[in-house]
Amino acid sequence: MRRTLLALLFAAVAAAPGARAMDFHRVGDILVMSGPVDGNDLVRLRDALAGPGRPALVLLHDSPGGDLWNGYQVGNRIRDEGLPTAVAGKCESACGLIFLSGSERFFSDGRPIAQTMVGLHGAHSIDTRQPLPELGPRMAYVIRTMTASKYPADLLQRTVYPRNAEDMVYAFHPGRYPATAAARGVVECLKQPDVSFQCSMLDGLDALGIGIITSPELLQLPAEVKALLQSLEKGATSP
């Protein structure tokens, strides 16, 4: 099990796009936000919301995160608008915080369920890769508030005050696992002194129970949205 988890998580990291702005696309009443979080995303979001018709859903797609401050601001705007959020593919770091801002939160079928995840970790310096514990209290407040205090206190402590900047807590859709399984998709990955990672699925926890998602429903996306996601992924991997 551990070897399988490691292979999946490292594959997700390797697939992270290079430094570029987050892409915004409107398909019907779904606003798709794809790629890294940067300093102009709040303006792009405001422009997208100012267009004709209000989106019914924000879909976060394949984002390695990015600028924490702007992640907070984008999340605040989504929360103020009362918009639900969904995820297709990976949504890590600042993207995970944006996802938590949704009034309702879902995993979707936009990517294979085994490749769809929400990842949270503590703040760190982009330049030095050192943890920034002074930013922990606000992050802890956001995670605790958005999950209605369902996120376990001991796990929250380890999430926002990591020993290593690359430590990450991932949540997968609980439907991937038998309902009787002790561990159902909350995975803690800790970087070791030899630069390897130790990943463990945590007994008794799942994404719904700790408040990451608000519904176990796997959101079925329209064919047009899935086609867009495929084109974005081809564009990210083309030379």
Protein backbone atom coordinates (compact mmCIF):
# COMPACT_ATOMS: atom_id res chain seq x y z
CA MET A 1 0.00 0.00 0.00
CA ARG A 2 2.76 2.48 0.93
CA ARG A 3 4.65 1.83 -2.31
CA THR A 4 1.48 2.47 -4.32
CA LEU A 5 0.80 5.73 -2.48
CA LEU A 6 4.36 6.94 -3.01
CA ALA A 7 4.24 6.19 -6.73
CA LEU A 8 0.96 8.10 -7.11
CA LEU A 9 2.04 11.13 -5.11
CA PHE A 10 5.43 11.48 -6.77
CA ALA A 11 3.76 11.18 -10.16
CA ALA A 12 1.52 14.08 -9.20
CA VAL A 13 4.49 16.22 -8.18
CA ALA A 14 6.34 15.42 -11.39
CA ALA A 15 3.31 16.49 -13.42
CA ALA A 16 3.20 19.95 -11.82
CA PRO A 17 3.28 22.68 -14.50
CA GLY A 18 6.05 25.22 -14.67
CA ALA A 19 5.81 28.81 -13.46
CA ARG A 20 2.85 30.38 -15.27
CA ALA A 21 -0.36 32.11 -14.41
CA MET A 22 -3.57 30.32 -13.48
CA ASP A 23 -5.83 29.82 -16.49
CA PHE A 24 -9.49 30.88 -16.23
CA HIS A 25 -12.08 29.34 -18.56
CA ARG A 26 -15.86 29.57 -18.52
CA VAL A 27 -17.81 26.58 -19.82
CA GLY A 28 -21.52 27.16 -19.41
CA ASP A 29 -22.06 27.93 -15.73
CA ILE A 30 -18.77 26.34 -14.62
CA LEU A 31 -15.66 28.46 -14.03
CA VAL A 32 -12.52 26.35 -14.49
CA MET A 33 -9.36 27.57 -12.73
CA SER A 34 -6.27 25.61 -13.74
CA GLY A 35 -2.57 25.90 -12.90
CA PRO A 36 -0.42 27.76 -10.35
CA VAL A 37 -1.77 30.50 -8.07
CA ASP A 38 -0.11 33.86 -8.72
CA GLY A 39 -0.47 37.55 -7.89
CA ASN A 40 -2.99 38.42 -10.61
CA ASP A 41 -5.55 35.72 -9.95
CA LEU A 42 -7.86 37.86 -7.82
CA VAL A 43 -8.18 40.35 -10.71
CA ARG A 44 -8.86 37.49 -13.14
CA LEU A 45 -11.49 36.09 -10.80
CA ARG A 46 -13.18 39.47 -10.46
CA ASP A 47 -13.27 39.80 -14.25
CA ALA A 48 -14.71 36.29 -14.61
CA LEU A 49 -17.43 37.04 -12.06
CA ALA A 50 -18.24 40.36 -13.73
CA GLY A 51 -19.15 38.65 -16.99
CA PRO A 52 -22.70 37.80 -18.05
CA GLY A 53 -24.33 35.24 -15.80
CA ARG A 54 -23.04 34.07 -12.45
CA PRO A 55 -21.09 30.79 -12.41
CA ALA A 56 -22.71 27.98 -10.45
CA LEU A 57 -19.43 26.19 -9.68
CA VAL A 58 -15.68 26.83 -9.45
CA LEU A 59 -13.70 23.82 -10.68
CA LEU A 60 -10.06 23.72 -9.58
CA HIS A 61 -7.88 21.69 -11.91
CA ASP A 62 -4.27 20.51 -11.63
CA SER A 63 -2.77 23.23 -9.46
CA PRO A 64 0.45 22.87 -7.45
CA GLY A 65 -0.52 25.97 -5.45
CA GLY A 66 1.67 29.04 -5.37
CA ASP A 67 1.26 32.44 -3.75
CA LEU A 68 -0.30 31.97 -0.30
CA TRP A 69 -1.50 35.54 0.18
CA ASN A 70 -3.31 35.56 -3.16
CA GLY A 71 -4.71 32.13 -2.40
CA TYR A 72 -6.34 33.64 0.68
CA GLN A 73 -7.74 36.57 -1.33
CA VAL A 74 -9.15 34.36 -4.09
CA GLY A 75 -10.66 32.07 -1.46
CA ASN A 76 -12.21 35.02 0.35
CA ARG A 77 -13.90 36.20 -2.86
CA ILE A 78 -15.24 32.72 -3.65
CA ARG A 79 -16.59 32.44 -0.09
CA ASP A 80 -18.16 35.91 -0.26
CA GLU A 81 -19.91 34.90 -3.49
CA GLY A 82 -21.20 31.73 -1.86
CA LEU A 83 -19.87 29.55 -4.69
CA PRO A 84 -19.34 25.79 -4.41
CA THR A 85 -15.99 24.32 -5.44
CA ALA A 86 -14.93 21.03 -6.99
CA VAL A 87 -11.56 19.49 -7.84
CA ALA A 88 -10.30 17.59 -10.88
CA GLY A 89 -6.76 16.26 -10.65
CA LYS A 90 -4.50 17.59 -7.94
CA CYS A 91 -5.13 20.77 -5.95
CA GLU A 92 -2.27 21.46 -3.54
CA SER A 93 -1.08 24.12 -1.13
CA ALA A 94 -2.72 27.52 -1.90
CA CYS A 95 -5.11 25.75 -4.27
CA GLY A 96 -6.22 23.53 -1.39
CA LEU A 97 -7.07 26.62 0.66
CA ILE A 98 -9.04 28.05 -2.28
CA PHE A 99 -10.93 24.76 -2.53
CA LEU A 100 -11.84 24.95 1.16
CA SER A 101 -13.50 28.33 0.56
CA GLY A 102 -16.36 26.69 -1.35
CA SER A 103 -19.83 26.82 0.20
CA GLU A 104 -20.07 23.17 -0.86
CA ARG A 105 -17.09 21.04 -1.86
CA PHE A 106 -16.87 18.01 -4.13
CA PHE A 107 -14.48 15.69 -5.88
CA SER A 108 -15.34 15.39 -9.58
CA ASP A 109 -14.95 12.87 -12.37
CA GLY A 110 -12.91 15.31 -14.46
CA ARG A 111 -9.82 13.18 -13.85
CA PRO A 112 -9.50 9.55 -12.72
CA ILE A 113 -10.46 9.31 -9.07
CA ALA A 114 -7.02 7.91 -8.17
CA GLN A 115 -5.40 11.05 -9.62
CA THR A 116 -7.71 13.55 -7.91
CA MET A 117 -6.62 14.90 -4.52
CA VAL A 118 -6.52 17.93 -2.24
CA GLY A 119 -3.17 18.62 -0.56
CA LEU A 120 -2.50 20.93 2.40
CA HIS A 121 0.78 21.94 3.97
CA GLY A 122 2.36 24.69 6.04
CA ALA A 123 3.63 28.01 4.72
CA HIS A 124 7.24 28.16 3.58
CA SER A 125 9.66 30.50 1.85
CA ILE A 126 9.79 30.03 -1.91
CA ASP A 127 13.47 31.07 -1.93
CA THR A 128 14.82 29.02 0.99
CA ARG A 129 12.17 26.25 1.25
CA GLN A 130 12.18 26.81 5.01
CA PRO A 131 8.91 26.58 6.98
CA LEU A 132 7.40 29.89 8.13
CA PRO A 133 5.73 29.00 11.45
CA GLU A 134 4.74 32.63 12.06
CA LEU A 135 2.13 32.19 9.32
CA GLY A 136 0.73 29.06 10.94
CA PRO A 137 -1.96 30.66 13.15
CA ARG A 138 -3.84 32.23 10.24
CA MET A 139 -3.64 29.05 8.17
CA ALA A 140 -4.83 26.98 11.12
CA TYR A 141 -7.76 29.37 11.59
CA VAL A 142 -8.72 29.11 7.90
CA ILE A 143 -8.57 25.31 7.82
CA ARG A 144 -10.37 24.95 11.13
CA THR A 145 -13.10 27.43 10.15
CA MET A 146 -13.68 26.13 6.63
CA THR A 147 -13.91 22.52 7.82
CA ALA A 148 -16.29 23.47 10.67
CA SER A 149 -13.65 22.26 13.18
CA LYS A 150 -13.85 18.71 11.78
CA TYR A 151 -10.15 18.70 10.83
CA PRO A 152 -8.46 16.85 13.74
CA ALA A 153 -6.49 19.15 16.04
CA ASP A 154 -3.38 16.95 16.11
CA LEU A 155 -3.33 16.65 12.31
CA LEU A 156 -3.91 20.40 11.96
CA GLN A 157 -0.87 21.03 14.14
CA ARG A 158 1.30 18.82 11.94
CA THR A 159 -0.16 20.32 8.76
CA VAL A 160 0.49 24.00 9.49
CA TYR A 161 3.71 23.54 11.52
CA PRO A 162 5.64 20.98 9.43
CA ARG A 163 9.17 19.86 10.20
CA ASN A 164 9.93 20.09 6.49
CA ALA A 165 8.46 22.45 3.90
CA GLU A 166 7.65 19.50 1.62
CA ASP A 167 5.55 17.61 4.19
CA MET A 168 2.00 17.31 2.88
CA VAL A 169 -1.39 15.97 3.92
CA TYR A 170 -3.46 14.63 1.02
CA ALA A 171 -7.14 13.77 0.91
CA PHE A 172 -8.55 11.42 -1.73
CA HIS A 173 -12.16 10.58 -2.42
CA PRO A 174 -13.33 8.10 0.25
CA GLY A 175 -15.28 6.19 -2.39
CA ARG A 176 -11.99 4.72 -3.61
CA TYR A 177 -11.90 2.56 -0.49
CA PRO A 178 -14.26 0.00 1.04
CA ALA A 179 -16.68 1.50 3.55
CA THR A 180 -15.36 -0.98 6.13
CA ALA A 181 -11.69 0.00 5.63
CA ALA A 182 -9.92 1.50 8.65
CA ALA A 183 -8.14 4.06 6.44
CA ARG A 184 -10.04 5.80 3.65
CA GLY A 185 -7.84 8.24 1.82
CA VAL A 186 -6.27 10.78 4.19
CA VAL A 187 -2.53 10.42 3.61
CA GLU A 188 0.31 12.11 5.49
CA CYS A 189 3.63 12.32 3.62
CA LEU A 190 6.70 13.33 5.64
CA LYS A 191 10.11 13.99 4.15
CA GLN A 192 12.86 11.94 5.77
CA PRO A 193 16.52 12.89 6.44
CA ASP A 194 17.61 10.73 3.49
CA VAL A 195 15.31 12.85 1.23
CA SER A 196 12.82 10.00 0.78
CA PHE A 197 9.19 10.33 1.84
CA GLN A 198 7.27 8.27 4.34
CA CYS A 199 3.59 8.25 3.39
CA SER A 200 0.95 6.73 5.66
CA MET A 201 -2.81 6.53 5.27
CA LEU A 202 -4.33 7.59 8.57
CA ASP A 203 -6.75 5.19 10.25
CA GLY A 204 -10.24 6.43 10.99
CA LEU A 205 -10.07 9.49 8.73
CA ASP A 206 -11.63 10.35 5.38
CA ALA A 207 -12.10 13.55 3.38
CA LEU A 208 -15.75 13.89 4.36
CA GLY A 209 -15.20 13.20 8.05
CA ILE A 210 -12.44 15.83 8.39
CA GLY A 211 -14.41 18.46 6.48
CA ILE A 212 -12.35 18.67 3.29
CA ILE A 213 -15.44 17.85 1.23
CA THR A 214 -19.02 18.52 2.26
CA SER A 215 -20.60 15.72 0.22
CA PRO A 216 -19.52 12.20 -0.75
CA GLU A 217 -21.13 12.71 -4.18
CA LEU A 218 -18.68 12.38 -7.07
CA LEU A 219 -19.65 15.34 -9.24
CA GLN A 220 -20.36 14.38 -12.85
CA LEU A 221 -18.98 17.05 -15.19
CA PRO A 222 -20.40 17.90 -18.64
CA ALA A 223 -18.55 16.50 -21.65
CA GLU A 224 -17.56 20.03 -22.72
CA VAL A 225 -15.74 20.60 -19.42
CA LYS A 226 -13.92 17.27 -19.66
CA ALA A 227 -12.82 18.17 -23.19
CA LEU A 228 -11.42 21.46 -21.90
CA LEU A 229 -9.50 19.69 -19.12
CA GLN A 230 -7.96 17.30 -21.64
CA SER A 231 -6.85 20.20 -23.86
CA LEU A 232 -5.33 22.02 -20.88
CA GLU A 233 -3.38 18.91 -19.89
CA LYS A 234 -2.07 18.47 -23.45
CA GLY A 235 -1.02 22.12 -23.48
CA ALA A 236 0.83 21.79 -20.15
CA THR A 237 2.86 18.81 -21.38
CA SER A 238 3.63 20.03 -24.91
CA PRO A 239 7.17 21.44 -25.49
